[in-house]
Amino acid sequence: MTGKELKEYFKTHLVPSRLYKIGGKHNNRICLQQTEDGWELFFSERKDKVGLMRFETEEAACATMKNEIRKMMEILYGMTWAPEV
């Protein structure tokens, strides 16, 4: 899955865009960002990257982001989609 496909998936599953940022950094959101060495996934808090995870592939980063957003949706809204096996 690519970042573009993940963004479309989130729209289809009614994930509020204020929870995430794909392709950059935005305060108080889970962010997916490409770097020179691969991909980073983190929560942006002010200028800090909290819980920073690094990935070699876009697919691995997107799969992890999808799972993290799924868990967040369940905690915040009491609804989510079924986890993929």
N, C-alpha and C. Protein backbone atom coordinates (compact mmCIF):
# COMPACT_ATOMS: atom_id res chain seq x y z
N MET A 1 0.85 -1.18 0.00
CA MET A 1 0.00 0.00 0.00
C MET A 1 0.89 1.24 0.00
N THR A 2 0.50 2.22 -0.77
CA THR A 2 1.24 3.48 -0.82
C THR A 2 0.56 4.51 0.08
N GLY A 3 1.23 5.62 0.29
CA GLY A 3 0.64 6.70 1.08
C GLY A 3 -0.64 7.21 0.45
N LYS A 4 -0.66 7.32 -0.86
CA LYS A 4 -1.86 7.78 -1.57
C LYS A 4 -3.02 6.81 -1.37
N GLU A 5 -2.74 5.52 -1.46
CA GLU A 5 -3.77 4.50 -1.24
C GLU A 5 -4.25 4.51 0.21
N LEU A 6 -3.33 4.72 1.14
CA LEU A 6 -3.69 4.77 2.56
C LEU A 6 -4.60 5.96 2.85
N LYS A 7 -4.29 7.08 2.26
CA LYS A 7 -5.11 8.28 2.43
C LYS A 7 -6.54 8.01 1.95
N GLU A 8 -6.67 7.35 0.81
CA GLU A 8 -7.99 7.01 0.27
C GLU A 8 -8.70 6.00 1.18
N TYR A 9 -7.94 5.06 1.72
CA TYR A 9 -8.50 4.08 2.66
C TYR A 9 -9.07 4.79 3.88
N PHE A 10 -8.33 5.75 4.42
CA PHE A 10 -8.80 6.49 5.58
C PHE A 10 -10.07 7.28 5.26
N LYS A 11 -10.14 7.87 4.09
CA LYS A 11 -11.36 8.59 3.69
C LYS A 11 -12.55 7.64 3.62
N THR A 12 -12.34 6.48 3.01
CA THR A 12 -13.40 5.48 2.87
C THR A 12 -13.89 4.99 4.24
N HIS A 13 -12.99 4.91 5.21
CA HIS A 13 -13.32 4.43 6.54
C HIS A 13 -13.60 5.56 7.53
N LEU A 14 -13.84 6.75 7.00
CA LEU A 14 -14.28 7.91 7.78
C LEU A 14 -13.32 8.31 8.90
N VAL A 15 -12.04 8.20 8.63
CA VAL A 15 -11.04 8.64 9.60
C VAL A 15 -10.88 10.15 9.47
N PRO A 16 -11.11 10.89 10.56
CA PRO A 16 -10.95 12.35 10.48
C PRO A 16 -9.52 12.74 10.10
N SER A 17 -9.40 13.64 9.16
CA SER A 17 -8.07 14.05 8.69
C SER A 17 -7.26 14.75 9.78
N ARG A 18 -7.89 15.20 10.83
CA ARG A 18 -7.15 15.86 11.91
C ARG A 18 -6.33 14.88 12.75
N LEU A 19 -6.48 13.57 12.48
CA LEU A 19 -5.70 12.57 13.21
C LEU A 19 -4.37 12.25 12.56
N TYR A 20 -4.22 12.55 11.28
CA TYR A 20 -3.03 12.11 10.57
C TYR A 20 -2.56 13.11 9.52
N LYS A 21 -1.31 12.93 9.12
CA LYS A 21 -0.72 13.69 8.01
C LYS A 21 0.17 12.73 7.23
N ILE A 22 -0.13 12.57 5.96
CA ILE A 22 0.67 11.71 5.10
C ILE A 22 1.49 12.60 4.17
N GLY A 23 2.79 12.41 4.20
CA GLY A 23 3.67 13.18 3.33
C GLY A 23 4.18 14.46 3.95
N GLY A 24 4.27 14.49 5.25
CA GLY A 24 4.79 15.68 5.89
C GLY A 24 4.63 15.61 7.39
N LYS A 25 4.63 16.78 8.01
CA LYS A 25 4.57 16.88 9.47
C LYS A 25 3.52 17.92 9.83
N HIS A 26 2.69 17.61 10.81
CA HIS A 26 1.67 18.56 11.28
C HIS A 26 1.49 18.32 12.77
N ASN A 27 1.44 19.38 13.54
CA ASN A 27 1.36 19.30 14.99
C ASN A 27 0.13 18.50 15.45
N ASN A 28 0.34 17.66 16.46
CA ASN A 28 -0.70 16.85 17.10
C ASN A 28 -1.37 15.85 16.15
N ARG A 29 -0.59 15.27 15.26
CA ARG A 29 -1.09 14.24 14.35
C ARG A 29 -0.07 13.12 14.22
N ILE A 30 -0.56 11.95 13.83
CA ILE A 30 0.34 10.87 13.46
C ILE A 30 0.80 11.18 12.04
N CYS A 31 2.10 11.19 11.84
CA CYS A 31 2.66 11.63 10.56
C CYS A 31 3.46 10.52 9.89
N LEU A 32 3.32 10.45 8.58
CA LEU A 32 4.10 9.54 7.75
C LEU A 32 4.91 10.42 6.81
N GLN A 33 6.23 10.25 6.85
CA GLN A 33 7.10 11.16 6.11
C GLN A 33 8.25 10.37 5.46
N GLN A 34 8.50 10.66 4.20
CA GLN A 34 9.63 10.03 3.52
C GLN A 34 10.91 10.79 3.85
N THR A 35 11.98 10.03 4.05
CA THR A 35 13.28 10.62 4.33
C THR A 35 14.29 10.08 3.31
N GLU A 36 15.52 10.52 3.43
CA GLU A 36 16.57 10.02 2.54
C GLU A 36 16.81 8.53 2.72
N ASP A 37 16.60 8.04 3.95
CA ASP A 37 16.89 6.64 4.28
C ASP A 37 15.68 5.72 4.23
N GLY A 38 14.50 6.24 3.99
CA GLY A 38 13.30 5.41 3.99
C GLY A 38 12.08 6.20 4.41
N TRP A 39 11.38 5.70 5.42
CA TRP A 39 10.13 6.31 5.88
C TRP A 39 10.12 6.43 7.39
N GLU A 40 9.49 7.49 7.88
CA GLU A 40 9.33 7.68 9.32
C GLU A 40 7.85 7.79 9.66
N LEU A 41 7.50 7.22 10.78
CA LEU A 41 6.15 7.30 11.33
C LEU A 41 6.30 7.79 12.76
N PHE A 42 5.55 8.83 13.13
CA PHE A 42 5.69 9.41 14.46
C PHE A 42 4.48 10.26 14.79
N PHE A 43 4.36 10.61 16.07
CA PHE A 43 3.37 11.59 16.50
C PHE A 43 4.10 12.91 16.63
N SER A 44 3.57 13.92 15.98
CA SER A 44 4.21 15.24 16.01
C SER A 44 3.64 16.06 17.16
N GLU A 45 4.51 16.42 18.07
CA GLU A 45 4.12 17.25 19.21
C GLU A 45 5.08 18.43 19.27
N ARG A 46 4.56 19.59 18.94
CA ARG A 46 5.37 20.78 18.77
C ARG A 46 6.44 20.49 17.73
N LYS A 47 7.70 20.53 18.09
CA LYS A 47 8.75 20.24 17.11
C LYS A 47 9.34 18.84 17.31
N ASP A 48 8.76 18.07 18.25
CA ASP A 48 9.29 16.74 18.56
C ASP A 48 8.60 15.65 17.75
N LYS A 49 9.34 14.60 17.47
CA LYS A 49 8.82 13.40 16.84
C LYS A 49 8.70 12.33 17.92
N VAL A 50 7.52 12.19 18.49
CA VAL A 50 7.29 11.27 19.60
C VAL A 50 7.00 9.87 19.05
N GLY A 51 7.63 8.86 19.64
CA GLY A 51 7.40 7.48 19.22
C GLY A 51 7.90 7.19 17.82
N LEU A 52 8.99 7.81 17.44
CA LEU A 52 9.53 7.69 16.08
C LEU A 52 9.84 6.24 15.71
N MET A 53 9.30 5.81 14.57
CA MET A 53 9.59 4.49 14.01
C MET A 53 10.11 4.70 12.59
N ARG A 54 11.14 3.95 12.23
CA ARG A 54 11.72 4.07 10.89
C ARG A 54 11.50 2.77 10.11
N PHE A 55 11.24 2.94 8.81
CA PHE A 55 10.97 1.80 7.94
C PHE A 55 11.76 1.93 6.65
N GLU A 56 12.14 0.80 6.08
CA GLU A 56 12.85 0.81 4.81
C GLU A 56 11.90 0.99 3.64
N THR A 57 10.66 0.48 3.78
CA THR A 57 9.71 0.53 2.66
C THR A 57 8.46 1.34 3.02
N GLU A 58 7.88 1.91 2.00
CA GLU A 58 6.62 2.65 2.16
C GLU A 58 5.51 1.70 2.60
N GLU A 59 5.51 0.50 2.06
CA GLU A 59 4.48 -0.49 2.40
C GLU A 59 4.47 -0.82 3.89
N ALA A 60 5.64 -1.04 4.46
CA ALA A 60 5.74 -1.35 5.89
C ALA A 60 5.30 -0.17 6.75
N ALA A 61 5.69 1.02 6.36
CA ALA A 61 5.31 2.23 7.10
C ALA A 61 3.80 2.44 7.04
N CYS A 62 3.21 2.24 5.87
CA CYS A 62 1.76 2.42 5.71
C CYS A 62 0.97 1.37 6.51
N ALA A 63 1.45 0.14 6.51
CA ALA A 63 0.77 -0.92 7.27
C ALA A 63 0.77 -0.59 8.76
N THR A 64 1.88 -0.09 9.26
CA THR A 64 1.96 0.26 10.68
C THR A 64 1.08 1.47 10.98
N MET A 65 1.10 2.47 10.11
CA MET A 65 0.25 3.65 10.32
C MET A 65 -1.22 3.26 10.32
N LYS A 66 -1.60 2.41 9.40
CA LYS A 66 -2.99 1.95 9.31
C LYS A 66 -3.41 1.29 10.63
N ASN A 67 -2.54 0.46 11.19
CA ASN A 67 -2.86 -0.21 12.45
C ASN A 67 -2.91 0.77 13.62
N GLU A 68 -2.00 1.74 13.65
CA GLU A 68 -1.99 2.73 14.73
C GLU A 68 -3.26 3.61 14.68
N ILE A 69 -3.65 4.01 13.49
CA ILE A 69 -4.87 4.82 13.34
C ILE A 69 -6.10 3.99 13.71
N ARG A 70 -6.10 2.71 13.36
CA ARG A 70 -7.21 1.83 13.74
C ARG A 70 -7.37 1.79 15.25
N LYS A 71 -6.27 1.63 15.97
CA LYS A 71 -6.32 1.60 17.43
C LYS A 71 -6.78 2.95 17.98
N MET A 72 -6.30 4.03 17.41
CA MET A 72 -6.68 5.36 17.85
C MET A 72 -8.19 5.60 17.65
N MET A 73 -8.71 5.16 16.52
CA MET A 73 -10.15 5.31 16.24
C MET A 73 -10.98 4.55 17.27
N GLU A 74 -10.51 3.38 17.65
CA GLU A 74 -11.23 2.59 18.63
C GLU A 74 -11.24 3.27 20.00
N ILE A 75 -10.11 3.82 20.39
CA ILE A 75 -10.01 4.50 21.69
C ILE A 75 -10.82 5.79 21.71
N LEU A 76 -10.67 6.61 20.68
CA LEU A 76 -11.32 7.92 20.66
C LEU A 76 -12.82 7.87 20.35
N TYR A 77 -13.20 7.00 19.43
CA TYR A 77 -14.57 7.03 18.93
C TYR A 77 -15.36 5.75 19.20
N GLY A 78 -14.69 4.72 19.72
CA GLY A 78 -15.39 3.47 19.99
C GLY A 78 -15.79 2.72 18.74
N MET A 79 -15.17 3.06 17.61
CA MET A 79 -15.46 2.36 16.37
C MET A 79 -14.19 2.26 15.54
N THR A 80 -14.13 1.23 14.73
CA THR A 80 -12.96 1.03 13.88
C THR A 80 -13.29 -0.04 12.86
N TRP A 81 -12.31 -0.46 12.10
CA TRP A 81 -12.47 -1.57 11.17
C TRP A 81 -11.73 -2.76 11.75
N ALA A 82 -12.04 -3.94 11.27
CA ALA A 82 -11.41 -5.16 11.78
C ALA A 82 -9.93 -5.18 11.42
N PRO A 83 -9.08 -5.61 12.35
CA PRO A 83 -7.65 -5.70 12.03
C PRO A 83 -7.43 -6.78 10.98
N GLU A 84 -6.46 -6.54 10.11
CA GLU A 84 -6.14 -7.53 9.08
C GLU A 84 -5.12 -8.50 9.63
N VAL A 85 -5.27 -9.74 9.26
CA VAL A 85 -4.39 -10.79 9.75
C VAL A 85 -3.19 -10.95 8.87
